[in-house]
Amino acid sequence: MAHPPPLFILILIFFFIIIIIPSSKSTPFIVLHGIGDQCSNRGVKHFTEELSEWSGASGYCIEIGDGAWDSWFTPLQDQVKQMKELSLGYNIVGLSQGNLIGRGVIEFCEGGPPVRNFISLGGPHAGTASVPMCGSGIMCIIADTLIKSEIYSDYIQAHLAPSGYLKLPNNIHAYLEKCRFLPRLNNELPEERNSTYKERFTSLQNLVLIMFEHDSVLIPKETAWFGYYPDGAFSPVMPPEQTQLYTEDWIGLKALNEAGKVKFISVEGNHLGISQSDMKKYVIPYLASKSSSDTEGSVDQGSFVPKVWEPSPFDWLFSMFNFLREHLRL
């Protein structure tokens, strides 16, 4: 007669089941960090842990390439990868540039697990008219000008991630012809529009677009809502509903909005600076398990900033100098 297994083995099996097998009440989520950041950094790690604690859902920070350096210098099309950890479906929380990676996973990856809710914090969805995260000092202005002059060259497109979504309104022809990532992601190329991208994007249950009212990193800040400048001019900023991407519904944004699945949210603060009360109000409801949906009052209502890397102009230039020295043999 067989003996029953020891109690500690049963306990181990029990914990294996509840930890490894996804719960039917909770959809896991992933966090995709922004440029110059990495999952091991304290800010992103804490941010992911807080979201898990408040929502009751399992959360994972997915590394972009091999960390901060790759987030700058690996082309975006190479940063998009399938998420094998989340086979039964998951939610995405994107930070800044990480939102474009998340959308690439949705639109480009065939046969991947379904993404249910997409929560975007400060994403450059319609592009940006300035290289991000340098600053406003004279050295940054010089560097910005130099980079813009060659931003659509094959070399820069192959080696500088932000070049994949830098959209200069006064150079749309070069943008459409040479920019390797955003025109494809937004289905902007008339001869190459892919209905599959639209079909996959419209499969979302909710799209939460959070714009920061005092954002000085994204130019214009309304790109977080898919708003942007008209072709050929740097003013005015068109709301998303007036852009061709929306009116002609290239990726399904209009269809999602008309179905009531898009939430256009504006919050106070600079780029990625958001209060805990706004986090609980606009993010947690789309991550929370049924048992954790009522979290009001459990968190300090002060400001919580998911600190992505915030370099000084000199940090930024130092990174660029090292890059140029290595690759151009300066």
C-alpha atoms as a PDB file:
ATOM      1  CA  MET A   1       0.000   0.000   0.000  1.00  0.00           C
ATOM      2  CA  ALA A   2       1.420   3.334  -1.073  1.00  0.00           C
ATOM      3  CA  HIS A   3       2.149   5.894   1.577  1.00  0.00           C
ATOM      4  CA  PRO A   4       0.743   9.408   1.190  1.00  0.00           C
ATOM      5  CA  PRO A   5       3.341  12.002   0.177  1.00  0.00           C
ATOM      6  CA  PRO A   6       4.934  14.021   2.970  1.00  0.00           C
ATOM      7  CA  LEU A   7       3.089  17.197   3.961  1.00  0.00           C
ATOM      8  CA  PHE A   8       5.919  19.459   2.858  1.00  0.00           C
ATOM      9  CA  ILE A   9       5.740  18.022  -0.684  1.00  0.00           C
ATOM     10  CA  LEU A  10       2.025  18.763  -0.855  1.00  0.00           C
ATOM     11  CA  ILE A  11       2.708  22.280   0.351  1.00  0.00           C
ATOM     12  CA  LEU A  12       5.386  22.747  -2.315  1.00  0.00           C
ATOM     13  CA  ILE A  13       3.052  21.498  -5.042  1.00  0.00           C
ATOM     14  CA  PHE A  14       0.313  23.818  -3.791  1.00  0.00           C
ATOM     15  CA  PHE A  15       2.572  26.854  -3.913  1.00  0.00           C
ATOM     16  CA  PHE A  16       3.892  25.816  -7.321  1.00  0.00           C
ATOM     17  CA  ILE A  17       0.328  25.728  -8.645  1.00  0.00           C
ATOM     18  CA  ILE A  18      -0.762  29.074  -7.244  1.00  0.00           C
ATOM     19  CA  ILE A  19       2.464  30.813  -8.268  1.00  0.00           C
ATOM     20  CA  ILE A  20       3.184  29.280 -11.660  1.00  0.00           C
ATOM     21  CA  ILE A  21      -0.286  28.635 -13.050  1.00  0.00           C
ATOM     22  CA  PRO A  22      -2.042  31.906 -13.914  1.00  0.00           C
ATOM     23  CA  SER A  23      -5.064  32.725 -11.773  1.00  0.00           C
ATOM     24  CA  SER A  24      -8.415  32.965 -13.523  1.00  0.00           C
ATOM     25  CA  LYS A  25      -9.131  36.150 -11.558  1.00  0.00           C
ATOM     26  CA  SER A  26      -5.980  38.013 -12.453  1.00  0.00           C
ATOM     27  CA  THR A  27      -4.396  38.809 -15.803  1.00  0.00           C
ATOM     28  CA  PRO A  28      -0.653  39.426 -15.485  1.00  0.00           C
ATOM     29  CA  PHE A  29       0.905  42.594 -16.840  1.00  0.00           C
ATOM     30  CA  ILE A  30       4.255  43.666 -18.197  1.00  0.00           C
ATOM     31  CA  VAL A  31       6.023  47.001 -17.883  1.00  0.00           C
ATOM     32  CA  LEU A  32       8.041  48.247 -20.855  1.00  0.00           C
ATOM     33  CA  HIS A  33      10.497  50.911 -19.753  1.00  0.00           C
ATOM     34  CA  GLY A  34      11.577  54.005 -21.638  1.00  0.00           C
ATOM     35  CA  ILE A  35      14.801  55.155 -23.191  1.00  0.00           C
ATOM     36  CA  GLY A  36      17.945  55.098 -21.080  1.00  0.00           C
ATOM     37  CA  ASP A  37      16.332  52.927 -18.423  1.00  0.00           C
ATOM     38  CA  GLN A  38      16.488  49.267 -17.445  1.00  0.00           C
ATOM     39  CA  CYS A  39      14.488  46.883 -15.301  1.00  0.00           C
ATOM     40  CA  SER A  40      17.153  46.654 -12.626  1.00  0.00           C
ATOM     41  CA  ASN A  41      16.964  50.383 -11.928  1.00  0.00           C
ATOM     42  CA  ARG A  42      15.324  51.189  -8.632  1.00  0.00           C
ATOM     43  CA  GLY A  43      12.599  53.406 -10.095  1.00  0.00           C
ATOM     44  CA  VAL A  44      11.230  50.930 -12.638  1.00  0.00           C
ATOM     45  CA  LYS A  45      11.584  48.017 -10.233  1.00  0.00           C
ATOM     46  CA  HIS A  46       9.656  49.889  -7.549  1.00  0.00           C
ATOM     47  CA  PHE A  47       7.061  51.029 -10.086  1.00  0.00           C
ATOM     48  CA  THR A  48       6.384  47.444 -11.175  1.00  0.00           C
ATOM     49  CA  GLU A  49       6.196  46.219  -7.583  1.00  0.00           C
ATOM     50  CA  GLU A  50       3.761  48.982  -6.618  1.00  0.00           C
ATOM     51  CA  LEU A  51       1.447  48.197  -9.522  1.00  0.00           C
ATOM     52  CA  SER A  52       1.419  44.539  -8.518  1.00  0.00           C
ATOM     53  CA  GLU A  53       0.711  45.392  -4.889  1.00  0.00           C
ATOM     54  CA  TRP A  54      -2.127  47.782  -5.693  1.00  0.00           C
ATOM     55  CA  SER A  55      -3.761  45.649  -8.383  1.00  0.00           C
ATOM     56  CA  GLY A  56      -3.231  42.142  -7.023  1.00  0.00           C
ATOM     57  CA  ALA A  57      -1.936  41.081 -10.457  1.00  0.00           C
ATOM     58  CA  SER A  58       1.441  39.567 -11.246  1.00  0.00           C
ATOM     59  CA  GLY A  59       3.701  42.101 -12.922  1.00  0.00           C
ATOM     60  CA  TYR A  60       6.965  41.759 -14.823  1.00  0.00           C
ATOM     61  CA  CYS A  61       9.361  44.340 -16.173  1.00  0.00           C
ATOM     62  CA  ILE A  62      10.502  43.127 -19.578  1.00  0.00           C
ATOM     63  CA  GLU A  63      13.985  44.284 -20.478  1.00  0.00           C
ATOM     64  CA  ILE A  64      14.400  46.221 -23.698  1.00  0.00           C
ATOM     65  CA  GLY A  65      17.410  44.560 -25.314  1.00  0.00           C
ATOM     66  CA  ASP A  66      20.276  44.500 -22.828  1.00  0.00           C
ATOM     67  CA  GLY A  67      19.350  47.528 -20.776  1.00  0.00           C
ATOM     68  CA  ALA A  68      19.846  51.279 -20.970  1.00  0.00           C
ATOM     69  CA  TRP A  69      22.414  51.310 -23.782  1.00  0.00           C
ATOM     70  CA  ASP A  70      20.311  49.125 -26.082  1.00  0.00           C
ATOM     71  CA  SER A  71      17.273  51.338 -25.450  1.00  0.00           C
ATOM     72  CA  TRP A  72      19.242  54.133 -27.115  1.00  0.00           C
ATOM     73  CA  PHE A  73      21.231  52.353 -29.786  1.00  0.00           C
ATOM     74  CA  THR A  74      19.267  49.273 -30.833  1.00  0.00           C
ATOM     75  CA  PRO A  75      16.812  49.989 -33.670  1.00  0.00           C
ATOM     76  CA  LEU A  76      13.220  49.749 -32.497  1.00  0.00           C
ATOM     77  CA  GLN A  77      12.347  47.015 -34.955  1.00  0.00           C
ATOM     78  CA  ASP A  78      14.987  44.842 -33.246  1.00  0.00           C
ATOM     79  CA  GLN A  79      13.717  45.703 -29.767  1.00  0.00           C
ATOM     80  CA  VAL A  80      10.264  44.271 -30.570  1.00  0.00           C
ATOM     81  CA  LYS A  81      10.107  40.682 -29.421  1.00  0.00           C
ATOM     82  CA  GLN A  82       7.493  38.082 -28.562  1.00  0.00           C
ATOM     83  CA  MET A  83       6.653  37.632 -24.911  1.00  0.00           C
ATOM     84  CA  LYS A  84       6.741  33.884 -24.258  1.00  0.00           C
ATOM     85  CA  GLU A  85       6.172  34.208 -20.514  1.00  0.00           C
ATOM     86  CA  LEU A  86       2.495  35.150 -20.755  1.00  0.00           C
ATOM     87  CA  SER A  87       0.779  32.501 -22.843  1.00  0.00           C
ATOM     88  CA  LEU A  88      -2.796  33.104 -21.675  1.00  0.00           C
ATOM     89  CA  GLY A  89      -2.892  36.830 -22.309  1.00  0.00           C
ATOM     90  CA  TYR A  90      -1.658  39.897 -20.463  1.00  0.00           C
ATOM     91  CA  ASN A  91      -1.851  43.663 -20.093  1.00  0.00           C
ATOM     92  CA  ILE A  92       0.834  46.182 -21.051  1.00  0.00           C
ATOM     93  CA  VAL A  93       1.947  49.269 -19.143  1.00  0.00           C
ATOM     94  CA  GLY A  94       4.217  51.340 -21.362  1.00  0.00           C
ATOM     95  CA  LEU A  95       6.539  54.130 -20.258  1.00  0.00           C
ATOM     96  CA  SER A  96       7.513  56.670 -22.926  1.00  0.00           C
ATOM     97  CA  GLN A  97       9.423  54.899 -25.747  1.00  0.00           C
ATOM     98  CA  GLY A  98       8.368  51.552 -24.267  1.00  0.00           C
ATOM     99  CA  ASN A  99       4.880  52.202 -25.629  1.00  0.00           C
ATOM    100  CA  LEU A 100       6.154  51.877 -29.186  1.00  0.00           C
ATOM    101  CA  ILE A 101       7.746  48.550 -28.298  1.00  0.00           C
ATOM    102  CA  GLY A 102       4.423  47.431 -26.841  1.00  0.00           C
ATOM    103  CA  ARG A 103       2.496  48.455 -29.920  1.00  0.00           C
ATOM    104  CA  GLY A 104       5.061  46.670 -32.073  1.00  0.00           C
ATOM    105  CA  VAL A 105       4.492  43.480 -30.088  1.00  0.00           C
ATOM    106  CA  ILE A 106       0.751  43.806 -30.712  1.00  0.00           C
ATOM    107  CA  GLU A 107       0.887  44.743 -34.381  1.00  0.00           C
ATOM    108  CA  PHE A 108       3.914  42.857 -35.686  1.00  0.00           C
ATOM    109  CA  CYS A 109       4.135  39.623 -33.688  1.00  0.00           C
ATOM    110  CA  GLU A 110       2.162  36.758 -35.180  1.00  0.00           C
ATOM    111  CA  GLY A 111       0.694  34.102 -32.938  1.00  0.00           C
ATOM    112  CA  GLY A 112       1.652  35.770 -29.683  1.00  0.00           C
ATOM    113  CA  PRO A 113      -0.520  35.743 -26.559  1.00  0.00           C
ATOM    114  CA  PRO A 114      -3.347  38.301 -26.630  1.00  0.00           C
ATOM    115  CA  VAL A 115      -2.885  41.747 -25.128  1.00  0.00           C
ATOM    116  CA  ARG A 116      -6.061  42.770 -23.335  1.00  0.00           C
ATOM    117  CA  ASN A 117      -5.476  46.269 -21.957  1.00  0.00           C
ATOM    118  CA  PHE A 118      -2.801  48.712 -23.052  1.00  0.00           C
ATOM    119  CA  ILE A 119      -2.020  51.542 -20.607  1.00  0.00           C
ATOM    120  CA  SER A 120       0.260  54.138 -22.166  1.00  0.00           C
ATOM    121  CA  LEU A 121       2.067  56.747 -20.061  1.00  0.00           C
ATOM    122  CA  GLY A 122       3.601  59.492 -22.169  1.00  0.00           C
ATOM    123  CA  GLY A 123       4.027  57.513 -25.379  1.00  0.00           C
ATOM    124  CA  PRO A 124       5.292  59.215 -28.581  1.00  0.00           C
ATOM    125  CA  HIS A 125       2.607  57.467 -30.636  1.00  0.00           C
ATOM    126  CA  ALA A 126       2.457  59.989 -33.466  1.00  0.00           C
ATOM    127  CA  GLY A 127       6.187  60.715 -33.323  1.00  0.00           C
ATOM    128  CA  THR A 128       8.192  63.511 -31.784  1.00  0.00           C
ATOM    129  CA  ALA A 129       9.687  66.600 -33.404  1.00  0.00           C
ATOM    130  CA  SER A 130      12.774  66.644 -31.185  1.00  0.00           C
ATOM    131  CA  VAL A 131      15.295  64.060 -30.017  1.00  0.00           C
ATOM    132  CA  PRO A 132      14.129  63.172 -26.486  1.00  0.00           C
ATOM    133  CA  MET A 133      15.808  63.660 -23.128  1.00  0.00           C
ATOM    134  CA  CYS A 134      18.618  66.015 -23.962  1.00  0.00           C
ATOM    135  CA  GLY A 135      17.367  69.328 -22.606  1.00  0.00           C
ATOM    136  CA  SER A 136      17.165  72.979 -23.598  1.00  0.00           C
ATOM    137  CA  GLY A 137      20.784  74.115 -23.091  1.00  0.00           C
ATOM    138  CA  ILE A 138      22.966  75.389 -25.911  1.00  0.00           C
ATOM    139  CA  MET A 139      24.912  72.116 -26.182  1.00  0.00           C
ATOM    140  CA  CYS A 140      21.670  70.182 -26.533  1.00  0.00           C
ATOM    141  CA  ILE A 141      20.438  72.587 -29.197  1.00  0.00           C
ATOM    142  CA  ILE A 142      23.659  72.036 -31.163  1.00  0.00           C
ATOM    143  CA  ALA A 143      23.479  68.260 -30.749  1.00  0.00           C
ATOM    144  CA  ASP A 144      19.795  68.243 -31.664  1.00  0.00           C
ATOM    145  CA  THR A 145      20.505  70.225 -34.838  1.00  0.00           C
ATOM    146  CA  LEU A 146      23.369  67.938 -35.858  1.00  0.00           C
ATOM    147  CA  ILE A 147      21.320  64.797 -35.317  1.00  0.00           C
ATOM    148  CA  LYS A 148      18.286  66.170 -37.140  1.00  0.00           C
ATOM    149  CA  SER A 149      20.443  66.962 -40.163  1.00  0.00           C
ATOM    150  CA  GLU A 150      21.250  63.267 -40.585  1.00  0.00           C
ATOM    151  CA  ILE A 151      18.371  61.654 -38.702  1.00  0.00           C
ATOM    152  CA  TYR A 152      17.014  59.880 -41.775  1.00  0.00           C
ATOM    153  CA  SER A 153      20.365  58.585 -42.971  1.00  0.00           C
ATOM    154  CA  ASP A 154      20.739  54.822 -43.134  1.00  0.00           C
ATOM    155  CA  TYR A 155      23.496  54.850 -40.511  1.00  0.00           C
ATOM    156  CA  ILE A 156      21.576  56.843 -37.889  1.00  0.00           C
ATOM    157  CA  GLN A 157      18.409  54.853 -38.535  1.00  0.00           C
ATOM    158  CA  ALA A 158      20.369  51.651 -37.938  1.00  0.00           C
ATOM    159  CA  HIS A 159      22.076  52.812 -34.735  1.00  0.00           C
ATOM    160  CA  LEU A 160      19.940  55.344 -32.851  1.00  0.00           C
ATOM    161  CA  ALA A 161      16.557  54.189 -31.508  1.00  0.00           C
ATOM    162  CA  PRO A 162      14.844  57.634 -31.295  1.00  0.00           C
ATOM    163  CA  SER A 163      15.489  58.125 -35.007  1.00  0.00           C
ATOM    164  CA  GLY A 164      12.818  55.491 -35.554  1.00  0.00           C
ATOM    165  CA  TYR A 165      10.098  57.856 -34.353  1.00  0.00           C
ATOM    166  CA  LEU A 166      11.508  61.329 -35.005  1.00  0.00           C
ATOM    167  CA  LYS A 167       8.928  62.877 -37.333  1.00  0.00           C
ATOM    168  CA  LEU A 168       9.918  66.282 -38.699  1.00  0.00           C
ATOM    169  CA  PRO A 169       6.829  68.019 -40.135  1.00  0.00           C
ATOM    170  CA  ASN A 170       9.026  69.992 -42.553  1.00  0.00           C
ATOM    171  CA  ASN A 171      10.607  66.833 -43.968  1.00  0.00           C
ATOM    172  CA  ILE A 172       7.746  64.366 -44.298  1.00  0.00           C
ATOM    173  CA  HIS A 173       9.022  62.972 -47.603  1.00  0.00           C
ATOM    174  CA  ALA A 174      12.301  61.831 -46.013  1.00  0.00           C
ATOM    175  CA  TYR A 175      10.440  60.569 -42.948  1.00  0.00           C
ATOM    176  CA  LEU A 176       8.169  58.320 -45.007  1.00  0.00           C
ATOM    177  CA  GLU A 177      10.985  57.162 -47.257  1.00  0.00           C
ATOM    178  CA  LYS A 178      13.774  56.610 -44.729  1.00  0.00           C
ATOM    179  CA  CYS A 179      12.376  56.309 -41.190  1.00  0.00           C
ATOM    180  CA  ARG A 180      12.379  52.584 -40.448  1.00  0.00           C
ATOM    181  CA  PHE A 181       9.918  52.128 -37.606  1.00  0.00           C
ATOM    182  CA  LEU A 182       7.077  54.583 -36.961  1.00  0.00           C
ATOM    183  CA  PRO A 183       5.756  54.853 -40.543  1.00  0.00           C
ATOM    184  CA  ARG A 184       5.296  51.090 -40.534  1.00  0.00           C
ATOM    185  CA  LEU A 185       3.893  50.977 -36.998  1.00  0.00           C
ATOM    186  CA  ASN A 186       1.319  53.673 -37.818  1.00  0.00           C
ATOM    187  CA  ASN A 187       0.521  52.200 -41.240  1.00  0.00           C
ATOM    188  CA  GLU A 188       1.454  55.493 -42.895  1.00  0.00           C
ATOM    189  CA  LEU A 189       2.952  54.086 -46.087  1.00  0.00           C
ATOM    190  CA  PRO A 190       0.182  54.091 -48.753  1.00  0.00           C
ATOM    191  CA  GLU A 191       1.663  51.246 -50.777  1.00  0.00           C
ATOM    192  CA  GLU A 192       2.412  49.084 -47.748  1.00  0.00           C
ATOM    193  CA  ARG A 193      -0.634  49.398 -45.506  1.00  0.00           C
ATOM    194  CA  ASN A 194      -1.246  46.166 -43.680  1.00  0.00           C
ATOM    195  CA  SER A 195      -4.780  45.395 -42.550  1.00  0.00           C
ATOM    196  CA  THR A 196      -3.397  42.802 -40.135  1.00  0.00           C
ATOM    197  CA  TYR A 197      -1.805  45.548 -38.013  1.00  0.00           C
ATOM    198  CA  LYS A 198      -5.192  47.244 -37.725  1.00  0.00           C
ATOM    199  CA  GLU A 199      -6.930  43.964 -36.955  1.00  0.00           C
ATOM    200  CA  ARG A 200      -4.494  43.151 -34.163  1.00  0.00           C
ATOM    201  CA  PHE A 201      -4.591  46.641 -32.655  1.00  0.00           C
ATOM    202  CA  THR A 202      -8.381  46.745 -32.587  1.00  0.00           C
ATOM    203  CA  SER A 203      -8.426  43.467 -30.648  1.00  0.00           C
ATOM    204  CA  LEU A 204      -7.575  45.457 -27.497  1.00  0.00           C
ATOM    205  CA  GLN A 205     -10.259  45.597 -24.841  1.00  0.00           C
ATOM    206  CA  ASN A 206      -9.068  49.002 -23.601  1.00  0.00           C
ATOM    207  CA  LEU A 207      -6.515  51.562 -24.758  1.00  0.00           C
ATOM    208  CA  VAL A 208      -5.631  54.092 -22.051  1.00  0.00           C
ATOM    209  CA  LEU A 209      -3.653  57.072 -23.364  1.00  0.00           C
ATOM    210  CA  ILE A 210      -2.203  59.247 -20.597  1.00  0.00           C
ATOM    211  CA  MET A 211      -0.812  62.655 -21.560  1.00  0.00           C
ATOM    212  CA  PHE A 212       1.179  64.845 -19.170  1.00  0.00           C
ATOM    213  CA  GLU A 213       0.046  68.459 -19.221  1.00  0.00           C
ATOM    214  CA  HIS A 214       3.547  69.874 -18.670  1.00  0.00           C
ATOM    215  CA  ASP A 215       5.467  67.324 -20.726  1.00  0.00           C
ATOM    216  CA  SER A 216       8.691  68.911 -21.980  1.00  0.00           C
ATOM    217  CA  VAL A 217      10.170  65.699 -23.423  1.00  0.00           C
ATOM    218  CA  LEU A 218       7.585  64.826 -26.064  1.00  0.00           C
ATOM    219  CA  ILE A 219       7.200  67.479 -28.775  1.00  0.00           C
ATOM    220  CA  PRO A 220       4.283  68.017 -28.960  1.00  0.00           C
ATOM    221  CA  LYS A 221       2.882  66.527 -25.769  1.00  0.00           C
ATOM    222  CA  GLU A 222      -0.329  65.638 -27.622  1.00  0.00           C
ATOM    223  CA  THR A 223       1.518  62.840 -29.410  1.00  0.00           C
ATOM    224  CA  ALA A 224       0.668  60.811 -26.292  1.00  0.00           C
ATOM    225  CA  TRP A 225      -2.924  60.915 -27.628  1.00  0.00           C
ATOM    226  CA  PHE A 226      -1.872  60.443 -31.300  1.00  0.00           C
ATOM    227  CA  GLY A 227      -2.202  64.197 -31.874  1.00  0.00           C
ATOM    228  CA  TYR A 228       0.454  65.882 -34.011  1.00  0.00           C
ATOM    229  CA  TYR A 229       1.436  68.728 -36.303  1.00  0.00           C
ATOM    230  CA  PRO A 230       0.080  68.951 -39.852  1.00  0.00           C
ATOM    231  CA  ASP A 231       2.464  67.974 -42.627  1.00  0.00           C
ATOM    232  CA  GLY A 232       4.729  70.869 -43.515  1.00  0.00           C
ATOM    233  CA  ALA A 233       4.266  72.972 -40.376  1.00  0.00           C
ATOM    234  CA  PHE A 234       5.052  73.041 -36.662  1.00  0.00           C
ATOM    235  CA  SER A 235       1.671  74.526 -35.764  1.00  0.00           C
ATOM    236  CA  PRO A 236      -1.075  74.120 -34.880  1.00  0.00           C
ATOM    237  CA  VAL A 237      -1.184  70.817 -33.023  1.00  0.00           C
ATOM    238  CA  MET A 238      -4.023  68.732 -34.412  1.00  0.00           C
ATOM    239  CA  PRO A 239      -6.096  66.662 -31.998  1.00  0.00           C
ATOM    240  CA  PRO A 240      -6.069  62.958 -32.838  1.00  0.00           C
ATOM    241  CA  GLU A 241      -9.540  63.068 -34.389  1.00  0.00           C
ATOM    242  CA  GLN A 242      -8.279  65.483 -37.075  1.00  0.00           C
ATOM    243  CA  THR A 243      -5.244  63.473 -38.175  1.00  0.00           C
ATOM    244  CA  GLN A 244      -5.266  61.269 -41.250  1.00  0.00           C
ATOM    245  CA  LEU A 245      -4.238  58.317 -39.106  1.00  0.00           C
ATOM    246  CA  TYR A 246      -7.566  58.689 -37.315  1.00  0.00           C
ATOM    247  CA  THR A 247      -9.926  59.826 -40.074  1.00  0.00           C
ATOM    248  CA  GLU A 248      -8.720  57.119 -42.473  1.00  0.00           C
ATOM    249  CA  ASP A 249      -8.324  54.705 -39.555  1.00  0.00           C
ATOM    250  CA  TRP A 250      -4.946  53.317 -40.566  1.00  0.00           C
ATOM    251  CA  ILE A 251      -4.404  51.323 -37.356  1.00  0.00           C
ATOM    252  CA  GLY A 252      -7.941  51.116 -35.944  1.00  0.00           C
ATOM    253  CA  LEU A 253      -7.748  54.002 -33.446  1.00  0.00           C
ATOM    254  CA  LYS A 254     -11.039  55.417 -34.739  1.00  0.00           C
ATOM    255  CA  ALA A 255     -12.734  52.028 -34.546  1.00  0.00           C
ATOM    256  CA  LEU A 256     -11.523  51.526 -30.980  1.00  0.00           C
ATOM    257  CA  ASN A 257     -12.666  55.011 -29.970  1.00  0.00           C
ATOM    258  CA  GLU A 258     -16.108  54.640 -31.515  1.00  0.00           C
ATOM    259  CA  ALA A 259     -16.468  51.355 -29.634  1.00  0.00           C
ATOM    260  CA  GLY A 260     -15.775  53.215 -26.382  1.00  0.00           C
ATOM    261  CA  LYS A 261     -12.461  51.457 -25.805  1.00  0.00           C
ATOM    262  CA  VAL A 262     -10.103  54.474 -25.876  1.00  0.00           C
ATOM    263  CA  LYS A 263      -9.601  56.622 -22.786  1.00  0.00           C
ATOM    264  CA  PHE A 264      -7.926  59.976 -23.423  1.00  0.00           C
ATOM    265  CA  ILE A 265      -6.530  61.006 -20.038  1.00  0.00           C
ATOM    266  CA  SER A 266      -4.705  64.239 -19.167  1.00  0.00           C
ATOM    267  CA  VAL A 267      -2.853  64.480 -15.859  1.00  0.00           C
ATOM    268  CA  GLU A 268      -0.718  67.143 -14.231  1.00  0.00           C
ATOM    269  CA  GLY A 269       3.043  66.825 -14.221  1.00  0.00           C
ATOM    270  CA  ASN A 270       6.044  66.619 -16.497  1.00  0.00           C
ATOM    271  CA  HIS A 271       7.013  63.557 -18.504  1.00  0.00           C
ATOM    272  CA  LEU A 272       6.091  60.395 -16.552  1.00  0.00           C
ATOM    273  CA  GLY A 273       5.397  62.377 -13.368  1.00  0.00           C
ATOM    274  CA  ILE A 274       2.065  61.169 -12.014  1.00  0.00           C
ATOM    275  CA  SER A 275       0.423  61.266  -8.604  1.00  0.00           C
ATOM    276  CA  GLN A 276      -0.514  58.089  -6.813  1.00  0.00           C
ATOM    277  CA  SER A 277      -4.153  59.122  -6.830  1.00  0.00           C
ATOM    278  CA  ASP A 278      -4.076  59.405 -10.624  1.00  0.00           C
ATOM    279  CA  MET A 279      -2.306  56.050 -10.850  1.00  0.00           C
ATOM    280  CA  LYS A 280      -5.077  54.457  -8.839  1.00  0.00           C
ATOM    281  CA  LYS A 281      -7.765  56.233 -10.820  1.00  0.00           C
ATOM    282  CA  TYR A 282      -6.503  55.694 -14.364  1.00  0.00           C
ATOM    283  CA  VAL A 283      -4.119  52.706 -14.330  1.00  0.00           C
ATOM    284  CA  ILE A 284      -5.023  50.243 -11.590  1.00  0.00           C
ATOM    285  CA  PRO A 285      -8.622  49.590 -12.770  1.00  0.00           C
ATOM    286  CA  TYR A 286      -7.215  48.041 -15.945  1.00  0.00           C
ATOM    287  CA  LEU A 287      -4.814  45.784 -14.067  1.00  0.00           C
ATOM    288  CA  ALA A 288      -6.716  44.877 -10.934  1.00  0.00           C
ATOM    289  CA  SER A 289      -7.984  41.412 -10.116  1.00  0.00           C
ATOM    290  CA  LYS A 290     -11.551  41.227  -8.872  1.00  0.00           C
ATOM    291  CA  SER A 291     -10.390  40.810  -5.300  1.00  0.00           C
ATOM    292  CA  SER A 292      -8.117  43.862  -5.462  1.00  0.00           C
ATOM    293  CA  SER A 293     -10.279  46.379  -7.291  1.00  0.00           C
ATOM    294  CA  ASP A 294     -11.010  48.365  -4.145  1.00  0.00           C
ATOM    295  CA  THR A 295      -7.667  49.869  -3.195  1.00  0.00           C
ATOM    296  CA  GLU A 296      -8.781  53.406  -2.370  1.00  0.00           C
ATOM    297  CA  GLY A 297      -7.186  54.724   0.762  1.00  0.00           C
ATOM    298  CA  SER A 298      -4.386  52.181   0.872  1.00  0.00           C
ATOM    299  CA  VAL A 299      -1.841  54.423  -0.832  1.00  0.00           C
ATOM    300  CA  ASP A 300      -0.407  57.801   0.038  1.00  0.00           C
ATOM    301  CA  GLN A 301      -1.966  60.375  -2.273  1.00  0.00           C
ATOM    302  CA  GLY A 302       1.273  62.283  -2.771  1.00  0.00           C
ATOM    303  CA  SER A 303       3.254  62.370  -5.967  1.00  0.00           C
ATOM    304  CA  PHE A 304       4.758  59.157  -7.271  1.00  0.00           C
ATOM    305  CA  VAL A 305       7.057  59.385 -10.259  1.00  0.00           C
ATOM    306  CA  PRO A 306       8.110  56.171 -12.016  1.00  0.00           C
ATOM    307  CA  LYS A 307      11.647  57.461 -12.311  1.00  0.00           C
ATOM    308  CA  VAL A 308      13.027  56.674 -15.697  1.00  0.00           C
ATOM    309  CA  TRP A 309      16.509  57.852 -16.396  1.00  0.00           C
ATOM    310  CA  GLU A 310      16.622  61.665 -16.228  1.00  0.00           C
ATOM    311  CA  PRO A 311      20.039  62.686 -17.504  1.00  0.00           C
ATOM    312  CA  SER A 312      21.581  66.095 -17.518  1.00  0.00           C
ATOM    313  CA  PRO A 313      22.506  67.500 -20.944  1.00  0.00           C
ATOM    314  CA  PHE A 314      26.115  66.494 -20.267  1.00  0.00           C
ATOM    315  CA  ASP A 315      25.157  62.861 -19.532  1.00  0.00           C
ATOM    316  CA  TRP A 316      23.309  62.745 -22.821  1.00  0.00           C
ATOM    317  CA  LEU A 317      26.168  64.257 -24.788  1.00  0.00           C
ATOM    318  CA  PHE A 318      28.683  61.942 -23.102  1.00  0.00           C
ATOM    319  CA  SER A 319      26.661  58.933 -24.283  1.00  0.00           C
ATOM    320  CA  MET A 320      26.483  60.341 -27.801  1.00  0.00           C
ATOM    321  CA  PHE A 321      30.230  61.088 -27.832  1.00  0.00           C
ATOM    322  CA  ASN A 322      31.081  57.520 -26.803  1.00  0.00           C
ATOM    323  CA  PHE A 323      28.747  56.175 -29.441  1.00  0.00           C
ATOM    324  CA  LEU A 324      30.265  58.298 -32.219  1.00  0.00           C
ATOM    325  CA  ARG A 325      33.810  57.557 -31.079  1.00  0.00           C
ATOM    326  CA  GLU A 326      33.170  53.821 -31.109  1.00  0.00           C
ATOM    327  CA  HIS A 327      31.308  53.588 -34.394  1.00  0.00           C
ATOM    328  CA  LEU A 328      32.877  56.386 -36.409  1.00  0.00           C
ATOM    329  CA  ARG A 329      36.441  55.910 -35.079  1.00  0.00           C
ATOM    330  CA  LEU A 330      36.684  59.519 -33.908  1.00  0.00           C
END
